[in-house]
Amino acid sequence: MTPEEKHLWYDFLERFPAPVKRQFVIGNFIVDFFCQKYMFVIEVDGRQHKTPEMKASDAERDKYLSDLGFQVLRYPNETIRNEFNFVTNDILRKAGLGFDDLKPIRKKKRRVPEIVE
C-alpha cells in the first residue's frame, strides 16, 4: 500500500462499522478498498491518474463499477495527506454514517514477559 492508503486504512477504515477489504478483485479490476454493505469502492489516486490515458481508464473502470451498483469514491493522494478529515467525513456521509458510528480504537496488547523466580 502507498503511504496514503496506509493512512486511510490504519487511521480510519479499520474502524469503519462494516467490513472493508483491501486490494479486492471485482471483474478485471483490483480496487484499493471495497465495502459490500455500503456498496462503495474507494480509490486512492496518485499523480499518474492525471494523465489523459489514466483518466480514460479510470472513467471506464468507474462506469463498470457503477453499472454493478457500486459508488466509486476517488481521493487524490494530496487530499488524503492535506484534508484527511474531509475525506473521512465524506466517506461517512456517503454511507449515511457519522463519526459516532466508528468502532472504538483498539489498543494493541502488549506482551508482558513472565517473571521467573
N, C-alpha and C. Protein backbone atom coordinates (compact mmCIF):
# COMPACT_ATOMS: atom_id res chain seq x y z
N MET A 1 0.85 -1.19 0.00
CA MET A 1 0.00 0.00 0.00
C MET A 1 0.89 1.25 0.00
N THR A 2 0.36 2.28 -0.61
CA THR A 2 1.06 3.57 -0.59
C THR A 2 0.92 4.19 0.81
N PRO A 3 1.73 5.18 1.13
CA PRO A 3 1.58 5.83 2.44
C PRO A 3 0.17 6.39 2.65
N GLU A 4 -0.44 6.93 1.61
CA GLU A 4 -1.79 7.49 1.74
C GLU A 4 -2.83 6.38 1.97
N GLU A 5 -2.66 5.25 1.29
CA GLU A 5 -3.56 4.12 1.52
C GLU A 5 -3.41 3.59 2.94
N LYS A 6 -2.18 3.52 3.43
CA LYS A 6 -1.95 3.07 4.81
C LYS A 6 -2.61 4.03 5.80
N HIS A 7 -2.46 5.31 5.55
CA HIS A 7 -3.07 6.32 6.44
C HIS A 7 -4.59 6.13 6.48
N LEU A 8 -5.20 6.00 5.31
CA LEU A 8 -6.65 5.83 5.26
C LEU A 8 -7.06 4.52 5.94
N TRP A 9 -6.32 3.46 5.71
CA TRP A 9 -6.65 2.16 6.28
C TRP A 9 -6.47 2.13 7.81
N TYR A 10 -5.27 2.44 8.27
CA TYR A 10 -4.97 2.29 9.69
C TYR A 10 -5.60 3.37 10.56
N ASP A 11 -5.80 4.55 10.01
CA ASP A 11 -6.33 5.65 10.82
C ASP A 11 -7.82 5.88 10.64
N PHE A 12 -8.47 5.08 9.77
CA PHE A 12 -9.91 5.28 9.59
C PHE A 12 -10.65 3.99 9.22
N LEU A 13 -10.31 3.36 8.11
CA LEU A 13 -11.12 2.25 7.61
C LEU A 13 -11.13 1.03 8.52
N GLU A 14 -10.08 0.83 9.31
CA GLU A 14 -10.09 -0.29 10.26
C GLU A 14 -11.19 -0.10 11.30
N ARG A 15 -11.61 1.14 11.51
CA ARG A 15 -12.66 1.43 12.50
C ARG A 15 -14.04 1.55 11.86
N PHE A 16 -14.13 1.41 10.55
CA PHE A 16 -15.41 1.55 9.86
C PHE A 16 -16.37 0.49 10.39
N PRO A 17 -17.66 0.82 10.54
CA PRO A 17 -18.59 -0.12 11.18
C PRO A 17 -19.01 -1.31 10.33
N ALA A 18 -18.49 -1.42 9.13
CA ALA A 18 -18.78 -2.58 8.27
C ALA A 18 -17.44 -3.05 7.70
N PRO A 19 -17.36 -4.34 7.34
CA PRO A 19 -16.09 -4.83 6.80
C PRO A 19 -15.66 -4.08 5.53
N VAL A 20 -14.40 -3.72 5.50
CA VAL A 20 -13.80 -3.10 4.32
C VAL A 20 -12.63 -3.98 3.92
N LYS A 21 -12.57 -4.34 2.65
CA LYS A 21 -11.49 -5.19 2.15
C LYS A 21 -10.51 -4.35 1.36
N ARG A 22 -9.24 -4.71 1.46
CA ARG A 22 -8.18 -4.02 0.72
C ARG A 22 -7.82 -4.83 -0.52
N GLN A 23 -7.43 -4.11 -1.58
CA GLN A 23 -6.96 -4.74 -2.81
C GLN A 23 -7.90 -5.89 -3.22
N PHE A 24 -9.15 -5.53 -3.45
CA PHE A 24 -10.20 -6.51 -3.73
C PHE A 24 -10.46 -6.59 -5.23
N VAL A 25 -10.60 -7.81 -5.73
CA VAL A 25 -10.83 -8.02 -7.17
C VAL A 25 -12.32 -7.96 -7.47
N ILE A 26 -12.66 -7.08 -8.42
CA ILE A 26 -14.03 -7.00 -8.95
C ILE A 26 -13.90 -7.05 -10.46
N GLY A 27 -14.39 -8.14 -11.06
CA GLY A 27 -14.23 -8.31 -12.51
C GLY A 27 -12.75 -8.36 -12.85
N ASN A 28 -12.34 -7.51 -13.81
CA ASN A 28 -10.94 -7.46 -14.22
C ASN A 28 -10.15 -6.39 -13.48
N PHE A 29 -10.73 -5.84 -12.43
CA PHE A 29 -10.10 -4.72 -11.74
C PHE A 29 -9.76 -5.10 -10.30
N ILE A 30 -8.70 -4.48 -9.79
CA ILE A 30 -8.36 -4.58 -8.37
C ILE A 30 -8.60 -3.19 -7.80
N VAL A 31 -9.55 -3.10 -6.86
CA VAL A 31 -9.86 -1.81 -6.26
C VAL A 31 -9.07 -1.66 -4.96
N ASP A 32 -8.78 -0.42 -4.60
CA ASP A 32 -7.99 -0.17 -3.39
C ASP A 32 -8.74 -0.65 -2.14
N PHE A 33 -10.00 -0.21 -2.01
CA PHE A 33 -10.82 -0.59 -0.85
C PHE A 33 -12.25 -0.86 -1.32
N PHE A 34 -12.90 -1.82 -0.66
CA PHE A 34 -14.24 -2.25 -1.06
C PHE A 34 -15.08 -2.51 0.18
N CYS A 35 -16.30 -1.97 0.20
CA CYS A 35 -17.23 -2.24 1.29
C CYS A 35 -18.56 -2.69 0.66
N GLN A 36 -18.84 -3.97 0.80
CA GLN A 36 -20.05 -4.53 0.20
C GLN A 36 -21.31 -4.00 0.87
N LYS A 37 -21.30 -3.88 2.19
CA LYS A 37 -22.51 -3.46 2.91
C LYS A 37 -23.01 -2.10 2.43
N TYR A 38 -22.08 -1.17 2.22
CA TYR A 38 -22.47 0.18 1.79
C TYR A 38 -22.26 0.38 0.30
N MET A 39 -21.90 -0.68 -0.40
CA MET A 39 -21.77 -0.68 -1.86
C MET A 39 -20.88 0.45 -2.38
N PHE A 40 -19.70 0.57 -1.78
CA PHE A 40 -18.77 1.55 -2.32
C PHE A 40 -17.38 0.98 -2.50
N VAL A 41 -16.69 1.62 -3.41
CA VAL A 41 -15.29 1.35 -3.72
C VAL A 41 -14.55 2.65 -3.47
N ILE A 42 -13.40 2.57 -2.81
CA ILE A 42 -12.58 3.76 -2.60
C ILE A 42 -11.29 3.58 -3.39
N GLU A 43 -10.98 4.58 -4.21
CA GLU A 43 -9.75 4.59 -4.97
C GLU A 43 -8.88 5.75 -4.49
N VAL A 44 -7.63 5.47 -4.22
CA VAL A 44 -6.66 6.49 -3.81
C VAL A 44 -5.75 6.72 -5.02
N ASP A 45 -5.81 7.93 -5.55
CA ASP A 45 -5.16 8.22 -6.82
C ASP A 45 -3.87 9.02 -6.66
N GLY A 46 -2.80 8.49 -7.24
CA GLY A 46 -1.53 9.20 -7.32
C GLY A 46 -1.49 10.10 -8.54
N ARG A 47 -0.34 10.72 -8.77
CA ARG A 47 -0.18 11.66 -9.89
C ARG A 47 -0.45 11.02 -11.23
N GLN A 48 -0.14 9.74 -11.37
CA GLN A 48 -0.31 9.07 -12.66
C GLN A 48 -1.75 9.10 -13.14
N HIS A 49 -2.70 9.29 -12.24
CA HIS A 49 -4.11 9.31 -12.61
C HIS A 49 -4.52 10.61 -13.30
N LYS A 50 -3.58 11.57 -13.38
CA LYS A 50 -3.88 12.85 -14.03
C LYS A 50 -3.60 12.83 -15.53
N THR A 51 -2.97 11.78 -16.02
CA THR A 51 -2.67 11.71 -17.45
C THR A 51 -3.96 11.42 -18.23
N PRO A 52 -4.04 11.85 -19.48
CA PRO A 52 -5.24 11.58 -20.28
C PRO A 52 -5.55 10.08 -20.40
N GLU A 53 -4.51 9.26 -20.52
CA GLU A 53 -4.72 7.81 -20.64
C GLU A 53 -5.34 7.23 -19.37
N MET A 54 -4.81 7.64 -18.23
CA MET A 54 -5.34 7.13 -16.95
C MET A 54 -6.73 7.67 -16.68
N LYS A 55 -6.98 8.93 -17.04
CA LYS A 55 -8.33 9.48 -16.86
C LYS A 55 -9.34 8.66 -17.65
N ALA A 56 -8.97 8.29 -18.89
CA ALA A 56 -9.87 7.47 -19.71
C ALA A 56 -10.05 6.08 -19.10
N SER A 57 -8.96 5.50 -18.63
CA SER A 57 -9.02 4.18 -18.00
C SER A 57 -9.86 4.22 -16.72
N ASP A 58 -9.66 5.27 -15.91
CA ASP A 58 -10.44 5.41 -14.68
C ASP A 58 -11.92 5.59 -14.98
N ALA A 59 -12.24 6.35 -16.02
CA ALA A 59 -13.65 6.57 -16.40
C ALA A 59 -14.30 5.24 -16.80
N GLU A 60 -13.57 4.42 -17.55
CA GLU A 60 -14.08 3.11 -17.97
C GLU A 60 -14.30 2.21 -16.75
N ARG A 61 -13.33 2.21 -15.87
CA ARG A 61 -13.40 1.42 -14.63
C ARG A 61 -14.57 1.88 -13.76
N ASP A 62 -14.71 3.20 -13.59
CA ASP A 62 -15.80 3.75 -12.77
C ASP A 62 -17.16 3.39 -13.34
N LYS A 63 -17.28 3.43 -14.68
CA LYS A 63 -18.56 3.07 -15.31
C LYS A 63 -18.88 1.60 -15.06
N TYR A 64 -17.88 0.74 -15.21
CA TYR A 64 -18.08 -0.68 -14.97
C TYR A 64 -18.55 -0.92 -13.53
N LEU A 65 -17.87 -0.30 -12.58
CA LEU A 65 -18.23 -0.48 -11.17
C LEU A 65 -19.60 0.13 -10.86
N SER A 66 -19.88 1.28 -11.44
CA SER A 66 -21.20 1.92 -11.25
C SER A 66 -22.31 1.05 -11.82
N ASP A 67 -22.06 0.45 -12.97
CA ASP A 67 -23.06 -0.44 -13.58
C ASP A 67 -23.35 -1.65 -12.70
N LEU A 68 -22.39 -2.02 -11.86
CA LEU A 68 -22.60 -3.12 -10.90
C LEU A 68 -23.31 -2.64 -9.63
N GLY A 69 -23.51 -1.32 -9.53
CA GLY A 69 -24.21 -0.77 -8.37
C GLY A 69 -23.32 -0.18 -7.30
N PHE A 70 -22.02 -0.08 -7.58
CA PHE A 70 -21.10 0.48 -6.60
C PHE A 70 -20.93 1.98 -6.79
N GLN A 71 -20.82 2.67 -5.68
CA GLN A 71 -20.47 4.08 -5.71
C GLN A 71 -18.94 4.14 -5.64
N VAL A 72 -18.33 4.84 -6.58
CA VAL A 72 -16.87 4.94 -6.61
C VAL A 72 -16.46 6.27 -6.00
N LEU A 73 -15.68 6.18 -4.94
CA LEU A 73 -15.18 7.37 -4.25
C LEU A 73 -13.70 7.48 -4.56
N ARG A 74 -13.31 8.57 -5.20
CA ARG A 74 -11.90 8.77 -5.59
C ARG A 74 -11.32 9.94 -4.82
N TYR A 75 -10.15 9.72 -4.24
CA TYR A 75 -9.47 10.77 -3.50
C TYR A 75 -8.01 10.82 -3.94
N PRO A 76 -7.55 11.98 -4.37
CA PRO A 76 -6.13 12.11 -4.70
C PRO A 76 -5.26 12.00 -3.44
N ASN A 77 -4.04 11.53 -3.63
CA ASN A 77 -3.10 11.43 -2.51
C ASN A 77 -3.00 12.73 -1.74
N GLU A 78 -2.93 13.86 -2.47
CA GLU A 78 -2.77 15.16 -1.81
C GLU A 78 -3.94 15.45 -0.87
N THR A 79 -5.14 15.06 -1.27
CA THR A 79 -6.32 15.32 -0.44
C THR A 79 -6.26 14.47 0.83
N ILE A 80 -5.82 13.23 0.70
CA ILE A 80 -5.70 12.38 1.89
C ILE A 80 -4.63 12.94 2.83
N ARG A 81 -3.53 13.42 2.26
CA ARG A 81 -2.46 13.99 3.09
C ARG A 81 -2.87 15.30 3.75
N ASN A 82 -3.53 16.17 3.00
CA ASN A 82 -3.77 17.54 3.46
C ASN A 82 -5.17 17.81 4.00
N GLU A 83 -6.13 16.95 3.67
CA GLU A 83 -7.52 17.18 4.09
C GLU A 83 -8.15 15.87 4.56
N PHE A 84 -7.44 15.18 5.45
CA PHE A 84 -7.88 13.85 5.89
C PHE A 84 -9.27 13.88 6.52
N ASN A 85 -9.55 14.90 7.33
CA ASN A 85 -10.88 14.99 7.95
C ASN A 85 -11.98 15.13 6.91
N PHE A 86 -11.70 15.88 5.83
CA PHE A 86 -12.68 15.99 4.75
C PHE A 86 -12.95 14.62 4.14
N VAL A 87 -11.89 13.86 3.86
CA VAL A 87 -12.03 12.54 3.23
C VAL A 87 -12.84 11.61 4.12
N THR A 88 -12.49 11.52 5.40
CA THR A 88 -13.20 10.61 6.30
C THR A 88 -14.65 11.03 6.47
N ASN A 89 -14.89 12.33 6.58
CA ASN A 89 -16.25 12.84 6.70
C ASN A 89 -17.06 12.53 5.45
N ASP A 90 -16.43 12.68 4.29
CA ASP A 90 -17.11 12.41 3.02
C ASP A 90 -17.51 10.94 2.91
N ILE A 91 -16.60 10.05 3.28
CA ILE A 91 -16.91 8.61 3.23
C ILE A 91 -18.07 8.29 4.17
N LEU A 92 -18.01 8.80 5.39
CA LEU A 92 -19.09 8.55 6.35
C LEU A 92 -20.42 9.11 5.85
N ARG A 93 -20.39 10.34 5.34
CA ARG A 93 -21.61 10.98 4.85
C ARG A 93 -22.24 10.17 3.71
N LYS A 94 -21.40 9.68 2.79
CA LYS A 94 -21.92 8.91 1.65
C LYS A 94 -22.46 7.55 2.09
N ALA A 95 -22.03 7.07 3.25
CA ALA A 95 -22.57 5.81 3.80
C ALA A 95 -23.75 6.08 4.74
N GLY A 96 -24.07 7.37 4.95
CA GLY A 96 -25.16 7.71 5.86
C GLY A 96 -24.78 7.53 7.31
N LEU A 97 -23.50 7.70 7.63
CA LEU A 97 -22.98 7.47 8.97
C LEU A 97 -22.33 8.73 9.51
N GLY A 98 -21.98 8.68 10.80
CA GLY A 98 -21.25 9.77 11.44
C GLY A 98 -20.07 9.21 12.20
N PHE A 99 -19.25 10.09 12.74
CA PHE A 99 -18.07 9.64 13.48
C PHE A 99 -18.43 8.80 14.70
N ASP A 100 -19.61 9.02 15.26
CA ASP A 100 -20.04 8.22 16.41
C ASP A 100 -20.27 6.76 16.05
N ASP A 101 -20.43 6.48 14.75
CA ASP A 101 -20.66 5.11 14.30
C ASP A 101 -19.38 4.28 14.18
N LEU A 102 -18.24 4.93 14.24
CA LEU A 102 -16.97 4.21 14.10
C LEU A 102 -16.73 3.29 15.30
N LYS A 103 -16.04 2.20 15.05
CA LYS A 103 -15.65 1.29 16.13
C LYS A 103 -14.63 2.01 17.00
N PRO A 104 -14.57 1.68 18.28
CA PRO A 104 -13.56 2.31 19.15
C PRO A 104 -12.14 1.93 18.70
N ILE A 105 -11.21 2.77 19.04
CA ILE A 105 -9.81 2.49 18.74
C ILE A 105 -9.37 1.31 19.59
N ARG A 106 -8.78 0.34 18.92
CA ARG A 106 -8.29 -0.85 19.64
C ARG A 106 -6.89 -0.56 20.14
N LYS A 107 -6.70 -0.84 21.39
CA LYS A 107 -5.36 -0.71 21.94
C LYS A 107 -4.62 -2.00 21.67
N LYS A 108 -3.40 -1.87 21.24
CA LYS A 108 -2.60 -3.05 20.98
C LYS A 108 -2.20 -3.68 22.29
N LYS A 109 -2.35 -4.98 22.35
CA LYS A 109 -1.97 -5.71 23.56
C LYS A 109 -0.46 -5.81 23.63
N ARG A 110 0.05 -5.46 24.76
CA ARG A 110 1.49 -5.60 24.98
C ARG A 110 1.73 -6.91 25.69
N ARG A 111 2.68 -7.60 25.20
CA ARG A 111 3.04 -8.87 25.83
C ARG A 111 3.96 -8.55 27.01
N VAL A 112 3.53 -8.97 28.16
CA VAL A 112 4.32 -8.76 29.37
C VAL A 112 5.08 -10.03 29.66
N PRO A 113 6.41 -9.94 29.73
CA PRO A 113 7.19 -11.16 29.98
C PRO A 113 6.91 -11.70 31.39
N GLU A 114 6.90 -13.01 31.47
CA GLU A 114 6.72 -13.64 32.78
C GLU A 114 7.99 -13.49 33.60
N ILE A 115 7.80 -13.31 34.87
CA ILE A 115 8.94 -13.22 35.78
C ILE A 115 9.14 -14.59 36.38
N VAL A 116 10.29 -15.13 36.16
CA VAL A 116 10.61 -16.47 36.69
C VAL A 116 11.47 -16.29 37.91
N GLU A 117 11.03 -16.87 39.00
CA GLU A 117 11.81 -16.74 40.24
C GLU A 117 12.65 -17.95 40.48
